[in-house]
């Protein structure tokens, strides 16, 4: 079914769903000596045993089990929408996704990479493209597909970017910061950009990640660098650190919902709330002092 809708599901997504289908088939063969089950046969024991099968047979992590569970139950709910199943069979069971620490670069680390002089052209280009994503939040495929047609002038008179997020198929808009604009201007007439009909001369994902790791070693960055780290760094060190609301960040990242953004940056938003309340407490103390001083004068 999903393969017949190529515009709605990216190839990597189809591969993941196919893998979940394979794991389910292997589980049913092992547990029931069958290749298929009727929907009405599904129950909590089925999904609990499936999780144990994934952990014991394939040593899958909690996160991997959660992803299989997520894809499988999404299809179950689709079957309910079509009327093939009346009641959700796994009401009393959930696989929790463990909270992961968000990896990102601090503004000091971003500046360290940005300001390092590189004489080798390939490193200089990849460094600039990495910094571009640090200041725009674009994922690798969005950077790779960026064209002049994606840029427009917003109501504020500034240059904005409008694209469709490949992963979610959701349109998103981002006001471009000066550093991101400067990099576009620098590379839009680069031979590779012109040959590809794109704005930026980005190499393959594999080469990019190899080069950015090399850059990290040269700059003395201890964290493992890869392109997605730039997107995380934009979210935390550029946006959230400068009080961009989580709702606005979610739209700029092209997430399916604000809940996805909150889940992805839960630990960061908790810290941000804590810092905000420290400031709130200080302001309330100052306000109370001012009010007391006024009453004394009266």
Foldseek 3Di string as FASTA:
>chain_A
DVVVVCQQAPPVRVVLLVVLLVLLQVQCCVPVVDRDDQPVPDAQVSLVSSLVCCCVVVVDDLQSSQSSVVSVQVVVVVCVVVVSDPDRRNVPDHRDHDQDDQFADAPVLLVLLVPDDDPDVVLVQLSLLLNLCLQQLDAPVCQVAAAPVQWDQDPVRAIKGWDQDSHRRFIAMTGGDPSNVVSLVVQQPPPCNVVVNHSGNDDDQVVSLVSVQVSCVVSVNPDRDGSNNSSSNSVQNPAVVVPNDLQNNCRSNNHPHSVVSCSNCVVRVVVSVVVVVVVVVVVVVVVVVVVVVVVVVD
